[in-house]
Protein backbone atom coordinates (compact mmCIF):
# COMPACT_ATOMS: atom_id res chain seq x y z
CA UNK A 1 56.27 139.93 71.04
CA UNK A 2 57.57 136.54 69.90
CA UNK A 3 55.59 135.14 66.93
CA UNK A 4 53.69 138.39 66.37
CA UNK A 5 54.42 140.75 63.51
CA UNK A 6 56.43 143.76 64.64
CA UNK A 7 55.12 147.21 63.81
CA UNK A 8 57.38 148.53 61.06
CA UNK A 9 59.88 151.22 62.02
CA UNK A 10 61.57 153.50 59.50
CA UNK A 11 65.02 154.79 60.50
CA UNK A 12 66.22 158.09 58.96
CA UNK A 13 69.43 160.08 58.86
CA UNK A 14 69.42 163.78 59.64
CA UNK A 15 71.43 164.79 56.57
CA UNK A 16 72.68 163.50 53.24
CA UNK A 17 71.15 161.47 50.44
CA UNK A 18 71.34 157.92 49.07
CA UNK A 19 71.09 156.16 52.44
CA UNK A 20 72.12 152.52 52.80
CA UNK A 21 71.38 150.66 56.04
CA UNK A 22 72.66 147.43 57.62
CA UNK A 23 72.03 145.84 61.01
CA UNK A 24 73.56 143.15 63.17
CA UNK A 25 72.22 141.50 66.30
CA UNK A 26 68.62 141.26 65.09
CA UNK A 27 66.41 138.52 66.55
CA UNK A 28 65.48 135.64 64.24
CA UNK A 29 62.64 136.63 61.93
CA UNK A 30 63.48 140.37 61.86
CA UNK A 31 65.12 142.25 58.99
CA UNK A 32 66.31 145.74 58.20
CA UNK A 33 65.91 146.83 54.58
CA UNK A 34 68.66 148.75 52.79
CA UNK A 35 66.29 151.74 53.00
CA UNK A 36 66.28 151.49 56.83
CA UNK A 37 62.91 149.84 57.53
CA UNK A 38 62.83 147.36 60.43
CA UNK A 39 60.16 144.69 60.02
CA UNK A 40 59.31 141.03 60.55
CA UNK A 41 58.07 138.59 63.14
CA UNK A 42 60.56 137.78 65.90
CA UNK A 43 60.86 134.05 66.53
CA UNK A 44 63.94 134.10 68.76
CA UNK A 45 64.11 134.00 72.52
CA UNK A 46 62.36 136.70 74.51
CA UNK A 47 65.02 139.15 75.68
CA UNK A 48 66.44 142.58 74.97
CA UNK A 49 68.53 142.55 71.79
CA UNK A 50 71.22 145.15 71.15
CA UNK A 51 70.87 145.95 67.47
CA UNK A 52 73.83 147.66 65.83
CA UNK A 53 72.62 149.91 63.02
CA UNK A 54 75.02 151.22 60.38
CA UNK A 55 74.01 153.85 57.87
CA UNK A 56 75.99 155.25 54.98
CA UNK A 57 75.06 158.19 52.74
CA UNK A 58 76.71 160.88 50.64
CA UNK A 59 77.88 162.61 53.83
CA UNK A 60 79.59 159.63 55.47
CA UNK A 61 78.83 156.85 57.94
CA UNK A 62 76.90 156.65 61.22
CA UNK A 63 76.47 153.85 63.77
CA UNK A 64 73.97 153.45 66.58
CA UNK A 65 73.12 150.65 69.01
CA UNK A 66 69.37 150.37 69.58
CA UNK A 67 67.77 148.09 72.21
CA UNK A 68 64.85 145.96 71.01
CA UNK A 69 62.88 144.30 73.78
CA UNK A 70 61.19 141.13 72.46
CA UNK A 71 58.53 139.82 74.84
CA UNK A 72 56.72 136.48 74.93
CA UNK A 73 53.21 135.73 76.08
CA UNK A 74 53.12 133.11 78.82
CA UNK A 75 52.87 129.50 77.72
CA UNK A 76 52.23 126.56 80.04
CA UNK A 77 54.96 123.94 79.74
CA UNK A 78 53.44 121.41 82.16
CA UNK A 79 51.45 118.89 80.12
CA UNK A 80 49.36 117.15 82.81
CA UNK A 81 48.66 117.04 86.51
CA UNK A 82 49.66 113.99 88.53
CA UNK A 83 46.89 112.09 90.32
CA UNK A 84 46.26 112.62 94.02
CA UNK A 85 44.86 110.37 96.73
CA UNK A 86 41.85 111.10 98.93
CA UNK A 87 42.90 112.53 102.29
CA UNK A 88 46.63 112.63 101.48
CA UNK A 89 48.78 115.70 100.99
CA UNK A 90 49.12 116.69 97.31
CA UNK A 91 51.65 118.90 95.56
CA UNK A 92 52.09 119.57 91.84
CA UNK A 93 54.37 122.15 90.22
CA UNK A 94 53.20 123.92 87.07
CA UNK A 95 55.82 125.64 84.91
CA UNK A 96 55.58 128.25 82.18
CA UNK A 97 57.80 130.09 79.75
CA UNK A 98 57.46 133.68 78.66
CA UNK A 99 58.40 137.16 79.73
CA UNK A 100 58.31 137.66 83.47
CA UNK A 101 56.65 138.47 85.73
CA UNK A 102 53.75 136.14 85.01
CA UNK A 103 50.51 136.28 86.99
CA UNK A 104 48.43 133.11 87.35
CA UNK A 105 44.74 132.42 87.81
CA UNK A 106 43.82 128.79 88.55
CA UNK A 107 40.16 127.86 89.00
CA UNK A 108 38.38 124.55 89.52
CA UNK A 109 40.63 123.29 92.29
CA UNK A 110 38.82 121.02 94.74
CA UNK A 111 38.06 122.23 98.26
CA UNK A 112 41.16 121.99 100.42
CA UNK A 113 43.61 122.85 97.61
CA UNK A 114 45.14 126.18 96.66
CA UNK A 115 48.06 127.49 94.60
CA UNK A 116 51.03 129.73 95.19
CA UNK A 117 53.42 131.31 92.69
CA UNK A 118 57.17 131.60 92.88
CA UNK A 119 59.29 134.70 92.27
CA UNK A 120 58.57 136.25 88.85
CA UNK A 121 55.70 133.78 88.38
CA UNK A 122 57.63 131.34 86.21
CA UNK A 123 55.97 128.51 88.18
CA UNK A 124 53.00 127.83 90.43
CA UNK A 125 52.50 125.04 92.96
CA UNK A 126 49.16 123.42 93.76
CA UNK A 127 49.02 122.06 97.30
CA UNK A 128 46.49 120.69 99.73
CA UNK A 129 44.34 117.73 100.68
CA UNK A 130 41.08 116.87 98.93
CA UNK A 131 38.30 114.35 98.55
CA UNK A 132 38.21 111.78 95.77
CA UNK A 133 36.86 112.90 92.40
CA UNK A 134 37.76 114.20 88.93
CA UNK A 135 38.24 117.94 88.78
CA UNK A 136 38.57 120.19 85.71
CA UNK A 137 41.27 122.74 86.51
CA UNK A 138 41.50 125.83 84.28
CA UNK A 139 44.76 127.77 84.16
CA UNK A 140 45.13 131.31 82.82
CA UNK A 141 48.29 133.39 82.81
CA UNK A 142 49.22 136.90 81.73
CA UNK A 143 52.23 139.19 81.55
CA UNK A 144 53.10 142.54 79.99
CA UNK A 145 52.93 140.94 76.53
CA UNK A 146 49.37 139.64 76.91
CA UNK A 147 47.33 136.69 78.07
CA UNK A 148 47.80 133.00 77.46
CA UNK A 149 45.03 130.85 76.09
CA UNK A 150 43.07 129.01 78.78
CA UNK A 151 44.59 125.64 79.61
CA UNK A 152 42.30 122.92 80.92
CA UNK A 153 43.69 119.94 82.83
CA UNK A 154 42.10 117.07 84.67
CA UNK A 155 43.02 116.51 88.30
CA UNK A 156 42.11 112.99 89.38
CA UNK A 157 41.98 112.47 93.14
CA UNK A 158 41.67 108.73 93.67
CA UNK A 159 39.93 107.10 96.62
CA UNK A 160 42.14 106.04 99.50
CA UNK A 161 43.35 102.44 99.58
CA UNK A 162 41.15 100.18 101.70
CA UNK A 163 42.27 99.33 105.23
CA UNK A 164 41.48 96.14 107.16
CA UNK A 165 40.05 97.18 110.48
CA UNK A 166 39.00 93.78 111.84
CA UNK A 167 41.17 92.32 114.58
CA UNK A 168 42.43 88.74 114.54
CA UNK A 169 39.83 86.13 115.49
CA UNK A 170 39.98 84.12 118.72
CA UNK A 171 42.04 81.00 118.62
CA UNK A 172 40.27 77.66 118.15
CA UNK A 173 41.00 73.95 118.47
CA UNK A 174 42.00 71.83 115.56
CA UNK A 175 39.20 69.52 114.42
CA UNK A 176 36.49 71.52 116.29
CA UNK A 177 33.90 73.91 114.88
CA UNK A 178 34.96 77.51 115.22
CA UNK A 179 32.61 79.93 116.91
CA UNK A 180 33.27 83.68 116.75
CA UNK A 181 32.90 86.86 114.68
CA UNK A 182 35.20 87.93 111.88
C-alpha cells in the first residue's frame, strides 16, 4: 500500500554461495539489498510494477520478473461542496484517487438528496432537491487496501430568491389621490 511500510521479503537462490542481488523497476521508496531483501515504503503511483530481479552467485546468474501490486487507500480529492438553492435541482460530483474499485458511504445528506457512484467508484454524484439549511455531510470510502479517514463537508442550501407576486396597481389620474391596494 502506498505510504505504508512493506513487509520485508527475503529472496533466495536454490544453489550456490555468495549471492549478490540487484533489481530494476522498483516503485519509489522500495529497495532490494545486495543480500536479496526487498523492503521500504512505496511512494509511487498505485499500480502493478514488474520488478526484474538479477542474482549472481558462485554457480552463475539468474533473472526473474516478479509482479508487485502497490495499492492505495482511497483519498477524497474534492475539497468542498458547492452551495445549492432551496427547491432547485442540485448536482455535485465528488472525486477520489486510490486503487479501484472504491465503495462510498455518504451520510448527512438532506431529505430529497441521494448519491450514486460511477464505474469502479472513482467518483460519486450527489443529486436531488432539498430545503434550505446547512448540512454536515460525512463521506467514507474503502477499497481492497483499506478505509479512508472520514471526510466532513458542509452543504449549504440557500433559501430561494424572493419573487414579487403582486400585480400592477390600477391606473390613476395625474394630480389626484390614488386609491387602491398594492
